[in-house]
Amino acid sequence: MTQSVESFVHDTVEAVRPLDKAYQLAEWEAALNGTPEAIQRSQEAQATWMRYWADRERYSQAKRMYDARAAKDPLLARQLKLVYLSAASNQQDDATIDELTRLESEATAKYVNFRGRVGGKELNDNEIEAILHQGKDSAEVREAWEASKQVGAQVAKSVRQLARVRNAAARAQGFRDHFQRSLTLDEIDENELLSLFADLEAATRKPYQELKHRIDGLRATDFGVDRADLRPWHYGDRFFQEVPPLGHVNMDGLFEGKDLVALATATYDGLGLEVRDILARSDLYARPGKNQHAFCIHIDREGDVRTLNNLVPTKRWASTILHELGHGVYDKYIDRDLPWMLRQPAHTLSTEAIAQLMGGLTSDPAWLTGILGLSKPEANRLSAPMRDHERAQRLIFTRWCLVMTYFELAMYADPERDLDTLWWDLVERYQMVRRPEGRKQPDWAAKIHIATVPVYYQNYELGYLVAHQFEDRIRRTAGGIVGEKKAGRWLLERVFKPGAKEDWASHVRTATGEPLNPKYFVRAAS
């Protein structure tokens, strides 16, 4: 007897739910502790989850049903498609799964436990970032920047092998390489993406050149060097993906002595969105052996939402906790009456859009007065510098996303090529930062996403575009975001509750009334 679509989806979900939860819990534990035992448990849970989805019979059945459009009900059809995409994304044999999870776990352990050595002392990422952001001595910031890249040499061999293994699995399915497979099975058209990114590069080139010229002047003055002598370590950040001091105001000084958790709670209270339960489950401060980055995780699609942060009282971390809680409220407020497969954001870029929208509030004048507690005269004084800072952030991060996306496109096209030189070719082209003379190191491998979250960075940039489109509609509807419960209700009804009922493009159209339109971002960045 032929199995119905309903029973096939039901049986699939009932089997994968406990595996998915075990995987999420293992990932959380490994991020918190980074011990060999925790990393091993995470590897085993990931392999078990991947083997379930890799089952050839399950994949073949899902593909047959999907190709035949066997599900007539829209919600069931969407569940079937997500089952099919999950299975298709994990089509590889046991030996490949074992190698992938081993390599990823080895790399993760090195990233999590890495501490750069500066002056013979091990420093965590926050300490290195502080030197880069606050330093005014070229030798000091160069040593800190070079220390931040030391992890690259430790993981480069594994990352290159990961690219080979991922490519082999993709080609076995008929894809050109892992880059193409990742986008296709993530419902992103590669040609449309690259065309869009070419347009964004052209639209941001002149304003970015002008911004970069201004930044170079300020940084050269700060360090007492000629513009021609500026190098990557002079830009206040390990990868120049954040805005360096622009000379207007000490942004971090606004947050000295502030309780970032209290500020975040008040921000979401103003929208009518409760985050105290998320914060209670979260891990918020740095310690040895802990993952030094930040992320949000939904353990069970039943509301167990947590964030990992490494908070210090700076603007960056104030924005980061708002960003991660943006992911968190999206997950939390998805309609629990939806089927399990649909209890997730419409797409990664959709939840990135909300995270970007919320993280950007630290530059909103209404946030400075209503949440941070500045006086109106002080907020008015800072309003122009803050807008300038936020515009600079859009431009800088967009150019950084171009580096990451084009690097992965080229790396998966040919993992054997000279990736060290490729990296700096792209940095010089898109970020307009001069490479260090004579440096021959795998600096590209110091970026954790390339190893453990491959072909992901386009979601940040697409999220930026969607965030600006959402913001346009929210401001038209509610008049603002900070302290506006009407804005929170718009997000709840238009974005969060629908979950993954629609693909991301349809979701954007349904929420905003038009397809994705980059004009809102370009207008804000120009």
Protein backbone atom coordinates (compact mmCIF):
# COMPACT_ATOMS: atom_id res chain seq x y z
CA MET A 1 0.00 0.00 0.00
CA THR A 2 1.40 3.39 -1.03
CA GLN A 3 2.07 5.67 1.92
CA SER A 4 0.16 8.96 1.91
CA VAL A 5 1.95 12.31 2.03
CA GLU A 6 0.36 12.98 5.42
CA SER A 7 1.65 9.79 6.99
CA PHE A 8 5.08 10.16 5.34
CA VAL A 9 5.56 13.67 6.72
CA HIS A 10 4.16 12.65 10.11
CA ASP A 11 6.46 9.64 10.41
CA THR A 12 9.46 11.67 9.29
CA VAL A 13 8.82 14.39 11.85
CA GLU A 14 8.19 12.01 14.74
CA ALA A 15 11.49 10.28 14.05
CA VAL A 16 13.61 13.40 13.53
CA ARG A 17 12.32 15.56 16.37
CA PRO A 18 14.27 13.84 19.17
CA LEU A 19 17.38 13.69 16.97
CA ASP A 20 17.12 17.38 16.22
CA LYS A 21 16.73 18.27 19.89
CA ALA A 22 19.68 16.10 20.88
CA TYR A 23 21.79 17.78 18.20
CA GLN A 24 20.84 21.30 19.36
CA LEU A 25 21.57 20.45 23.00
CA ALA A 26 24.95 18.97 22.08
CA GLU A 27 25.82 22.07 20.05
CA TRP A 28 24.89 24.26 23.03
CA GLU A 29 27.00 22.23 25.44
CA ALA A 30 30.01 22.28 23.10
CA ALA A 31 29.76 26.07 22.73
CA LEU A 32 29.60 26.54 26.50
CA ASN A 33 32.46 24.22 27.43
CA GLY A 34 34.60 23.36 24.42
CA THR A 35 35.98 20.27 26.14
CA PRO A 36 37.02 17.29 24.00
CA GLU A 37 34.15 15.30 25.50
CA ALA A 38 31.57 17.99 24.67
CA ILE A 39 32.93 18.39 21.14
CA GLN A 40 32.80 14.61 20.65
CA ARG A 41 29.18 14.44 21.81
CA SER A 42 28.31 17.24 19.41
CA GLN A 43 30.02 15.41 16.55
CA GLU A 44 28.13 12.21 17.32
CA ALA A 45 24.77 13.99 17.58
CA GLN A 46 25.39 15.81 14.30
CA ALA A 47 26.35 12.55 12.55
CA THR A 48 23.21 10.80 13.84
CA TRP A 49 21.03 13.67 12.61
CA MET A 50 22.76 13.74 9.22
CA ARG A 51 22.46 9.97 8.77
CA TYR A 52 18.73 10.17 9.36
CA TRP A 53 18.30 12.75 6.61
CA ALA A 54 20.82 10.98 4.36
CA ASP A 55 18.68 7.82 4.13
CA ARG A 56 18.34 7.16 0.40
CA GLU A 57 14.90 5.58 0.58
CA ARG A 58 13.50 8.52 2.57
CA TYR A 59 15.07 10.99 0.14
CA SER A 60 13.75 9.12 -2.90
CA GLN A 61 10.25 8.99 -1.47
CA ALA A 62 10.30 12.68 -0.59
CA LYS A 63 11.56 13.56 -4.07
CA ARG A 64 8.93 11.43 -5.81
CA MET A 65 6.13 13.03 -3.80
CA TYR A 66 7.53 16.53 -4.22
CA ASP A 67 8.10 16.17 -7.98
CA ALA A 68 4.57 14.78 -8.39
CA ARG A 69 3.13 17.68 -6.36
CA ALA A 70 1.35 15.00 -4.37
CA ALA A 71 0.35 17.34 -1.51
CA LYS A 72 -2.62 19.50 -2.46
CA ASP A 73 -3.03 21.31 0.87
CA PRO A 74 -0.64 24.32 0.95
CA LEU A 75 0.59 23.67 4.50
CA LEU A 76 1.22 20.02 3.80
CA ALA A 77 2.94 20.89 0.50
CA ARG A 78 5.26 23.26 2.31
CA GLN A 79 6.11 20.63 4.92
CA LEU A 80 6.82 18.10 2.18
CA LYS A 81 9.13 20.53 0.40
CA LEU A 82 11.08 21.21 3.62
CA VAL A 83 11.40 17.47 4.23
CA TYR A 84 12.66 17.05 0.66
CA LEU A 85 15.16 19.93 0.98
CA SER A 86 16.45 18.63 4.33
CA ALA A 87 17.01 15.18 2.84
CA ALA A 88 18.55 16.55 -0.35
CA SER A 89 20.97 18.73 1.64
CA ASN A 90 22.31 15.69 3.47
CA GLN A 91 22.76 13.20 0.64
CA GLN A 92 26.13 11.59 1.30
CA ASP A 93 27.33 8.20 2.43
CA ASP A 94 28.33 7.23 5.97
CA ALA A 95 32.03 7.64 5.28
CA THR A 96 31.46 11.20 4.05
CA ILE A 97 29.32 12.02 7.07
CA ASP A 98 32.00 10.68 9.38
CA GLU A 99 34.69 12.76 7.67
CA LEU A 100 32.59 15.92 7.57
CA THR A 101 31.63 15.77 11.22
CA ARG A 102 35.18 14.89 12.26
CA LEU A 103 36.70 17.79 10.34
CA GLU A 104 34.05 20.25 11.51
CA SER A 105 34.47 19.15 15.13
CA GLU A 106 38.24 19.44 14.94
CA ALA A 107 37.95 22.95 13.54
CA THR A 108 35.28 23.95 16.06
CA ALA A 109 37.43 22.81 18.97
CA LYS A 110 40.32 24.93 17.74
CA TYR A 111 38.17 28.03 17.23
CA VAL A 112 36.42 27.69 20.58
CA ASN A 113 39.60 27.19 22.56
CA PHE A 114 41.80 29.61 20.61
CA ARG A 115 43.27 32.58 22.44
CA GLY A 116 45.74 34.80 20.57
CA ARG A 117 49.14 35.44 22.11
CA VAL A 118 50.12 39.09 22.52
CA GLY A 119 53.33 39.92 24.32
CA GLY A 120 53.54 36.33 25.51
CA LYS A 121 50.07 36.52 27.09
CA GLU A 122 46.94 34.74 25.87
CA LEU A 123 44.08 37.15 25.16
CA ASN A 124 40.46 36.42 24.34
CA ASP A 125 38.69 38.00 21.38
CA ASN A 126 37.23 40.85 23.45
CA GLU A 127 40.67 41.77 24.74
CA ILE A 128 42.16 41.72 21.25
CA GLU A 129 39.24 43.76 19.90
CA ALA A 130 39.78 46.33 22.67
CA ILE A 131 43.42 46.81 21.62
CA LEU A 132 42.45 47.15 17.96
CA HIS A 133 39.59 49.53 18.68
CA GLN A 134 41.32 51.75 21.22
CA GLY A 135 45.00 51.50 20.26
CA LYS A 136 46.94 54.37 18.71
CA ASP A 137 50.31 52.66 18.34
CA SER A 138 50.92 50.86 15.04
CA ALA A 139 53.20 48.21 16.51
CA GLU A 140 50.70 47.41 19.29
CA VAL A 141 47.68 47.01 17.01
CA ARG A 142 49.70 45.06 14.46
CA GLU A 143 50.74 42.54 17.11
CA ALA A 144 47.11 42.17 18.25
CA TRP A 145 45.84 41.81 14.67
CA GLU A 146 48.45 39.19 13.84
CA ALA A 147 47.61 37.33 17.05
CA SER A 148 43.95 37.18 16.00
CA LYS A 149 45.01 35.41 12.78
CA GLN A 150 47.07 32.70 14.49
CA VAL A 151 44.09 30.35 14.50
CA GLY A 152 44.06 30.42 10.70
CA ALA A 153 47.24 28.37 10.43
CA GLN A 154 45.82 25.86 12.91
CA VAL A 155 42.64 25.16 10.93
CA ALA A 156 43.47 25.95 7.28
CA LYS A 157 44.30 22.38 6.29
CA SER A 158 41.02 21.10 7.77
CA VAL A 159 38.97 23.85 6.15
CA ARG A 160 40.43 23.17 2.72
CA GLN A 161 39.69 19.45 3.17
CA LEU A 162 36.14 20.31 4.22
CA ALA A 163 35.72 22.15 0.92
CA ARG A 164 36.92 19.08 -0.99
CA VAL A 165 34.58 16.71 0.87
CA ARG A 166 31.59 19.04 0.56
CA ASN A 167 32.28 19.42 -3.16
CA ALA A 168 32.46 15.67 -3.69
CA ALA A 169 29.06 15.20 -2.05
CA ALA A 170 27.59 18.04 -4.13
CA ARG A 171 28.96 16.68 -7.40
CA ALA A 172 27.61 13.23 -6.63
CA GLN A 173 24.16 14.86 -6.71
CA GLY A 174 24.82 16.61 -10.00
CA PHE A 175 25.69 20.05 -8.68
CA ARG A 176 28.70 22.02 -9.88
CA ASP A 177 30.05 22.39 -6.33
CA HIS A 178 29.02 22.92 -2.72
CA PHE A 179 28.38 26.64 -3.26
CA GLN A 180 25.77 25.94 -5.92
CA ARG A 181 24.20 23.09 -3.95
CA SER A 182 23.95 25.16 -0.77
CA LEU A 183 22.16 28.04 -2.47
CA THR A 184 19.86 25.85 -4.54
CA LEU A 185 18.72 23.74 -1.60
CA ASP A 186 18.36 26.89 0.48
CA GLU A 187 15.88 28.27 -2.06
CA ILE A 188 18.23 30.98 -3.36
CA ASP A 189 18.85 31.31 -7.09
CA GLU A 190 22.61 31.67 -7.61
CA ASN A 191 22.36 33.79 -10.76
CA GLU A 192 19.87 36.15 -9.15
CA LEU A 193 22.04 36.44 -6.04
CA LEU A 194 25.21 37.23 -7.97
CA SER A 195 23.36 39.73 -10.16
CA LEU A 196 21.97 41.42 -7.07
CA PHE A 197 25.39 41.52 -5.43
CA ALA A 198 26.92 43.02 -8.58
CA ASP A 199 24.28 45.75 -8.44
CA LEU A 200 24.96 46.36 -4.75
CA GLU A 201 28.68 46.58 -5.40
CA ALA A 202 28.11 49.20 -8.06
CA ALA A 203 25.58 51.14 -5.97
CA THR A 204 27.83 51.25 -2.90
CA ARG A 205 31.18 51.76 -4.63
CA LYS A 206 31.22 55.57 -4.75
CA PRO A 207 29.73 56.22 -1.28
CA TYR A 208 32.07 53.59 0.15
CA GLN A 209 35.09 55.14 -1.55
CA GLU A 210 34.17 58.50 -0.02
CA LEU A 211 33.66 56.93 3.40
CA LYS A 212 36.90 54.99 3.17
CA HIS A 213 38.80 58.14 2.19
CA ARG A 214 37.44 59.89 5.28
CA ILE A 215 38.23 56.92 7.53
CA ASP A 216 41.76 56.75 6.15
CA GLY A 217 42.32 60.38 7.00
CA LEU A 218 41.13 59.90 10.56
CA ARG A 219 43.09 56.68 11.09
CA ALA A 220 46.26 58.15 9.62
CA THR A 221 45.98 61.10 12.00
CA ASP A 222 45.28 58.85 14.99
CA PHE A 223 48.34 56.72 14.32
CA GLY A 224 50.61 59.47 13.05
CA VAL A 225 51.26 57.74 9.73
CA ASP A 226 50.73 58.54 6.07
CA ARG A 227 47.59 57.24 4.39
CA ALA A 228 49.78 55.03 2.21
CA ASP A 229 51.10 53.29 5.33
CA LEU A 230 47.69 52.17 6.61
CA ARG A 231 47.27 48.40 6.79
CA PRO A 232 44.54 46.00 8.03
CA TRP A 233 45.48 46.39 11.70
CA HIS A 234 44.75 50.14 11.60
CA TYR A 235 40.99 49.78 11.09
CA GLY A 236 39.83 48.93 14.61
CA ASP A 237 38.55 45.42 13.91
CA ARG A 238 40.00 42.02 13.02
CA PHE A 239 38.28 41.96 9.62
CA PHE A 240 37.15 45.58 9.12
CA GLN A 241 33.53 44.50 9.30
CA GLU A 242 32.72 47.07 11.99
CA VAL A 243 32.95 50.87 11.98
CA PRO A 244 36.19 52.23 13.45
CA PRO A 245 36.07 55.42 15.56
CA LEU A 246 34.96 58.24 13.25
CA GLY A 247 36.06 61.09 15.48
CA HIS A 248 32.57 62.37 16.34
CA VAL A 249 31.98 60.80 19.69
CA ASN A 250 33.22 57.96 21.86
CA MET A 251 30.41 55.49 21.11
CA ASP A 252 31.64 52.95 23.63
CA GLY A 253 31.78 55.64 26.31
CA LEU A 254 28.00 55.90 26.16
CA PHE A 255 27.78 52.32 27.43
CA GLU A 256 30.37 52.39 30.21
CA GLY A 257 28.82 51.09 33.42
CA LYS A 258 25.55 50.19 31.68
CA ASP A 259 23.72 46.92 32.23
CA LEU A 260 23.28 45.62 28.69
CA VAL A 261 20.80 42.96 29.77
CA ALA A 262 18.59 45.60 31.39
CA LEU A 263 18.79 47.78 28.28
CA ALA A 264 17.84 44.86 26.05
CA THR A 265 14.95 43.87 28.31
CA ALA A 266 13.59 47.42 28.29
CA THR A 267 13.91 47.58 24.49
CA TYR A 268 11.79 44.48 23.99
CA ASP A 269 9.35 45.47 26.75
CA GLY A 270 8.66 48.62 24.73
CA LEU A 271 7.60 46.44 21.80
CA GLY A 272 5.44 44.20 23.98
CA LEU A 273 7.82 41.27 23.44
CA GLU A 274 8.94 39.26 26.50
CA VAL A 275 12.58 38.20 26.59
CA ARG A 276 13.21 37.49 30.28
CA ASP A 277 12.61 33.77 29.79
CA ILE A 278 15.10 33.70 26.90
CA LEU A 279 17.70 35.57 28.97
CA ALA A 280 17.20 33.22 31.92
CA ARG A 281 18.22 30.28 29.72
CA SER A 282 21.08 32.15 28.06
CA ASP A 283 24.82 32.27 28.74
CA LEU A 284 25.87 35.89 28.59
CA TYR A 285 29.44 36.48 29.74
CA ALA A 286 32.92 35.35 28.70
CA ARG A 287 34.94 32.68 30.44
CA PRO A 288 37.77 30.31 29.48
CA GLY A 289 36.82 27.48 27.14
CA LYS A 290 33.61 29.15 25.97
CA ASN A 291 32.78 30.01 22.37
CA GLN A 292 33.78 33.67 21.94
CA HIS A 293 31.15 34.54 19.36
CA ALA A 294 27.40 35.05 19.74
CA PHE A 295 24.40 33.11 18.51
CA CYS A 296 20.81 32.16 19.26
CA ILE A 297 19.54 28.60 19.34
CA HIS A 298 16.04 27.11 19.49
CA ILE A 299 16.47 23.74 21.15
CA ASP A 300 13.12 22.08 20.51
CA ARG A 301 10.78 24.31 18.46
CA GLU A 302 8.66 24.32 21.59
CA GLY A 303 9.97 27.58 23.04
CA ASP A 304 13.32 26.62 24.61
CA VAL A 305 15.16 29.56 23.06
CA ARG A 306 18.62 30.57 24.30
CA THR A 307 21.37 33.00 23.33
CA LEU A 308 25.11 32.86 23.81
CA ASN A 309 26.94 36.17 24.24
CA ASN A 310 30.22 37.44 25.67
CA LEU A 311 29.00 40.79 26.93
CA VAL A 312 31.13 43.78 27.82
CA PRO A 313 29.68 47.32 28.05
CA THR A 314 30.38 48.53 24.51
CA LYS A 315 28.17 49.65 21.64
CA ARG A 316 29.08 46.52 19.70
CA TRP A 317 27.89 44.18 22.43
CA ALA A 318 24.81 46.31 23.16
CA SER A 319 23.88 45.85 19.51
CA THR A 320 24.83 42.17 19.61
CA ILE A 321 22.51 41.24 22.48
CA LEU A 322 19.65 43.08 20.75
CA HIS A 323 20.57 41.22 17.56
CA GLU A 324 20.59 37.78 19.17
CA LEU A 325 17.33 38.46 21.00
CA GLY A 326 15.89 39.47 17.62
CA HIS A 327 16.52 35.89 16.53
CA GLY A 328 15.12 34.79 19.87
CA VAL A 329 11.77 36.57 19.72
CA TYR A 330 11.28 35.38 16.15
CA ASP A 331 11.70 31.77 17.28
CA LYS A 332 9.68 32.25 20.45
CA TYR A 333 6.63 33.82 18.83
CA ILE A 334 6.21 31.47 15.87
CA ASP A 335 2.69 30.04 16.09
CA ARG A 336 2.99 26.81 18.14
CA ASP A 337 -0.13 25.47 16.46
CA LEU A 338 1.80 25.16 13.24
CA PRO A 339 3.17 21.73 12.30
CA TRP A 340 6.70 21.11 13.63
CA MET A 341 8.38 21.45 10.21
CA LEU A 342 6.92 24.95 9.89
CA ARG A 343 7.88 26.09 13.40
CA GLN A 344 11.00 27.87 12.17
CA PRO A 345 11.66 31.20 10.45
CA ALA A 346 10.73 31.47 6.79
CA HIS A 347 14.45 31.45 6.01
CA THR A 348 17.78 32.18 7.63
CA LEU A 349 17.80 35.57 5.90
CA SER A 350 14.38 36.32 7.41
CA THR A 351 15.57 35.88 10.98
CA GLU A 352 18.78 37.76 10.12
CA ALA A 353 16.58 40.63 8.95
CA ILE A 354 14.91 40.88 12.36
CA ALA A 355 18.23 40.54 14.16
CA GLN A 356 19.76 43.31 12.02
CA LEU A 357 16.73 45.52 12.55
CA MET A 358 16.89 45.15 16.32
CA GLY A 359 20.67 45.42 16.58
CA GLY A 360 20.56 48.71 14.69
CA LEU A 361 18.34 50.34 17.31
CA THR A 362 21.36 51.44 19.36
CA SER A 363 21.76 54.28 16.84
CA ASP A 364 18.09 55.32 16.96
CA PRO A 365 17.60 58.69 18.75
CA ALA A 366 14.43 57.33 20.36
CA TRP A 367 16.48 54.45 21.80
CA LEU A 368 19.17 56.79 23.10
CA THR A 369 16.61 58.74 25.13
CA GLY A 370 13.97 56.14 25.88
CA ILE A 371 16.26 53.20 26.69
CA LEU A 372 19.83 54.42 27.23
CA GLY A 373 18.55 57.39 29.21
CA LEU A 374 20.30 60.28 27.48
CA SER A 375 18.74 63.71 27.72
CA LYS A 376 16.99 65.02 24.63
CA PRO A 377 19.64 67.73 24.08
CA GLU A 378 22.38 65.09 24.33
CA ALA A 379 20.52 62.72 22.02
CA ASN A 380 19.94 65.55 19.55
CA ARG A 381 23.66 66.35 19.66
CA LEU A 382 24.46 62.72 18.91
CA SER A 383 21.72 62.22 16.34
CA ALA A 384 23.78 63.22 13.29
CA PRO A 385 26.92 61.29 14.37
CA MET A 386 24.79 58.23 15.10
CA ARG A 387 23.13 58.38 11.68
CA ASP A 388 26.56 58.78 10.15
CA HIS A 389 27.80 55.78 12.13
CA GLU A 390 24.86 53.63 11.08
CA ARG A 391 25.25 54.57 7.41
CA ALA A 392 28.95 53.73 7.65
CA GLN A 393 28.08 50.37 9.19
CA ARG A 394 25.78 49.51 6.29
CA LEU A 395 28.45 50.33 3.74
CA ILE A 396 31.31 48.63 5.57
CA PHE A 397 29.37 45.46 6.29
CA THR A 398 28.06 45.22 2.73
CA ARG A 399 31.56 45.42 1.30
CA TRP A 400 32.67 42.78 3.81
CA CYS A 401 29.81 40.50 2.76
CA LEU A 402 31.01 40.80 -0.82
CA VAL A 403 34.46 39.59 0.25
CA MET A 404 33.03 36.59 2.07
CA THR A 405 30.56 35.60 -0.65
CA TYR A 406 32.99 35.88 -3.54
CA PHE A 407 35.71 34.13 -1.56
CA GLU A 408 33.50 31.09 -0.93
CA LEU A 409 32.31 31.11 -4.54
CA ALA A 410 35.94 30.91 -5.70
CA MET A 411 37.09 28.51 -2.98
CA TYR A 412 34.46 25.91 -3.83
CA ALA A 413 35.14 26.39 -7.54
CA ASP A 414 38.76 25.36 -6.87
CA PRO A 415 39.85 24.45 -3.32
CA GLU A 416 43.40 23.83 -4.58
CA ARG A 417 44.01 27.41 -5.68
CA ASP A 418 46.14 29.93 -3.78
CA LEU A 419 43.51 30.93 -1.23
CA ASP A 420 45.92 33.14 0.73
CA THR A 421 46.41 35.44 -2.26
CA LEU A 422 42.76 35.22 -3.31
CA TRP A 423 41.69 36.48 0.12
CA TRP A 424 43.78 39.63 -0.09
CA ASP A 425 42.83 40.22 -3.73
CA LEU A 426 39.19 40.38 -2.63
CA VAL A 427 39.91 42.48 0.46
CA GLU A 428 41.75 45.03 -1.66
CA ARG A 429 39.03 45.06 -4.31
CA TYR A 430 35.93 45.31 -2.14
CA GLN A 431 37.14 46.73 1.20
CA MET A 432 39.93 48.79 -0.37
CA VAL A 433 42.34 47.77 2.40
CA ARG A 434 45.97 47.22 1.42
CA ARG A 435 47.43 43.80 2.14
CA PRO A 436 50.50 43.49 4.39
CA GLU A 437 53.66 43.27 2.30
CA GLY A 438 55.16 39.80 2.11
CA ARG A 439 52.47 38.17 4.24
CA LYS A 440 51.76 34.58 3.20
CA GLN A 441 49.35 33.20 5.79
CA PRO A 442 45.87 31.60 5.60
CA ASP A 443 44.16 34.68 7.07
CA TRP A 444 40.92 33.58 5.40
CA ALA A 445 40.78 30.56 7.72
CA ALA A 446 40.67 32.81 10.80
CA LYS A 447 37.00 33.50 9.93
CA ILE A 448 34.99 30.77 11.66
CA HIS A 449 32.04 30.92 9.26
CA ILE A 450 34.11 29.59 6.36
CA ALA A 451 34.75 26.38 8.29
CA THR A 452 31.64 25.77 10.36
CA VAL A 453 28.82 27.78 8.71
CA PRO A 454 29.70 27.58 5.02
CA VAL A 455 27.94 29.60 2.32
CA TYR A 456 26.10 31.63 4.92
CA TYR A 457 27.24 35.24 4.59
CA GLN A 458 24.87 36.08 1.75
CA ASN A 459 22.09 35.66 4.30
CA TYR A 460 23.44 38.58 6.33
CA GLU A 461 23.37 40.89 3.33
CA LEU A 462 19.98 39.69 2.12
CA GLY A 463 18.80 40.11 5.70
CA TYR A 464 20.01 43.71 5.60
CA LEU A 465 17.88 44.35 2.52
CA VAL A 466 14.80 42.73 4.06
CA ALA A 467 15.36 44.58 7.36
CA HIS A 468 15.18 47.94 5.62
CA GLN A 469 12.04 46.91 3.77
CA PHE A 470 10.47 45.77 7.04
CA GLU A 471 11.56 48.99 8.76
CA ASP A 472 9.92 51.08 6.05
CA ARG A 473 6.60 49.31 6.62
CA ILE A 474 6.87 49.44 10.42
CA ARG A 475 7.57 53.16 10.46
CA ARG A 476 4.65 53.78 8.13
CA THR A 477 2.40 51.65 10.33
CA ALA A 478 3.58 52.52 13.84
CA GLY A 479 5.51 55.76 13.34
CA GLY A 480 8.64 54.24 14.84
CA ILE A 481 10.03 51.16 16.55
CA VAL A 482 11.34 52.05 20.00
CA GLY A 483 8.58 51.96 22.58
CA GLU A 484 5.94 51.28 19.95
CA LYS A 485 3.83 48.26 20.82
CA LYS A 486 2.10 48.66 17.46
CA ALA A 487 5.48 47.90 15.86
CA GLY A 488 5.76 44.77 17.99
CA ARG A 489 2.29 43.66 16.90
CA TRP A 490 3.24 44.19 13.23
CA LEU A 491 6.25 41.95 13.69
CA LEU A 492 4.21 39.33 15.54
CA GLU A 493 1.47 39.11 12.95
CA ARG A 494 3.38 39.76 9.73
CA VAL A 495 6.73 38.09 10.43
CA PHE A 496 6.92 35.83 13.48
CA LYS A 497 3.66 33.88 13.68
CA PRO A 498 3.62 32.61 10.08
CA GLY A 499 6.84 30.67 10.66
CA ALA A 500 7.88 28.80 7.52
CA LYS A 501 4.44 28.61 5.92
CA GLU A 502 5.88 30.31 2.84
CA ASP A 503 9.29 30.42 1.19
CA TRP A 504 11.27 33.54 2.01
CA ALA A 505 10.46 35.46 -1.17
CA SER A 506 6.72 34.90 -0.74
CA HIS A 507 7.01 35.73 2.95
CA VAL A 508 8.61 39.11 2.18
CA ARG A 509 5.89 39.84 -0.38
CA THR A 510 3.11 38.85 2.02
CA ALA A 511 4.55 40.86 4.92
CA THR A 512 5.36 44.05 3.01
CA GLY A 513 3.10 44.00 -0.04
CA GLU A 514 5.97 43.88 -2.56
CA PRO A 515 8.81 41.55 -3.51
CA LEU A 516 12.28 42.08 -2.10
CA ASN A 517 13.33 45.57 -3.14
CA PRO A 518 16.88 46.73 -2.43
CA LYS A 519 15.97 50.41 -2.88
CA TYR A 520 15.26 50.82 0.84
CA PHE A 521 18.76 49.68 1.76
CA VAL A 522 20.48 51.60 -1.03
CA ARG A 523 18.62 54.76 -0.05
CA ALA A 524 19.75 54.41 3.56
CA ALA A 525 23.36 53.67 2.60
CA SER A 526 23.76 56.41 -0.03
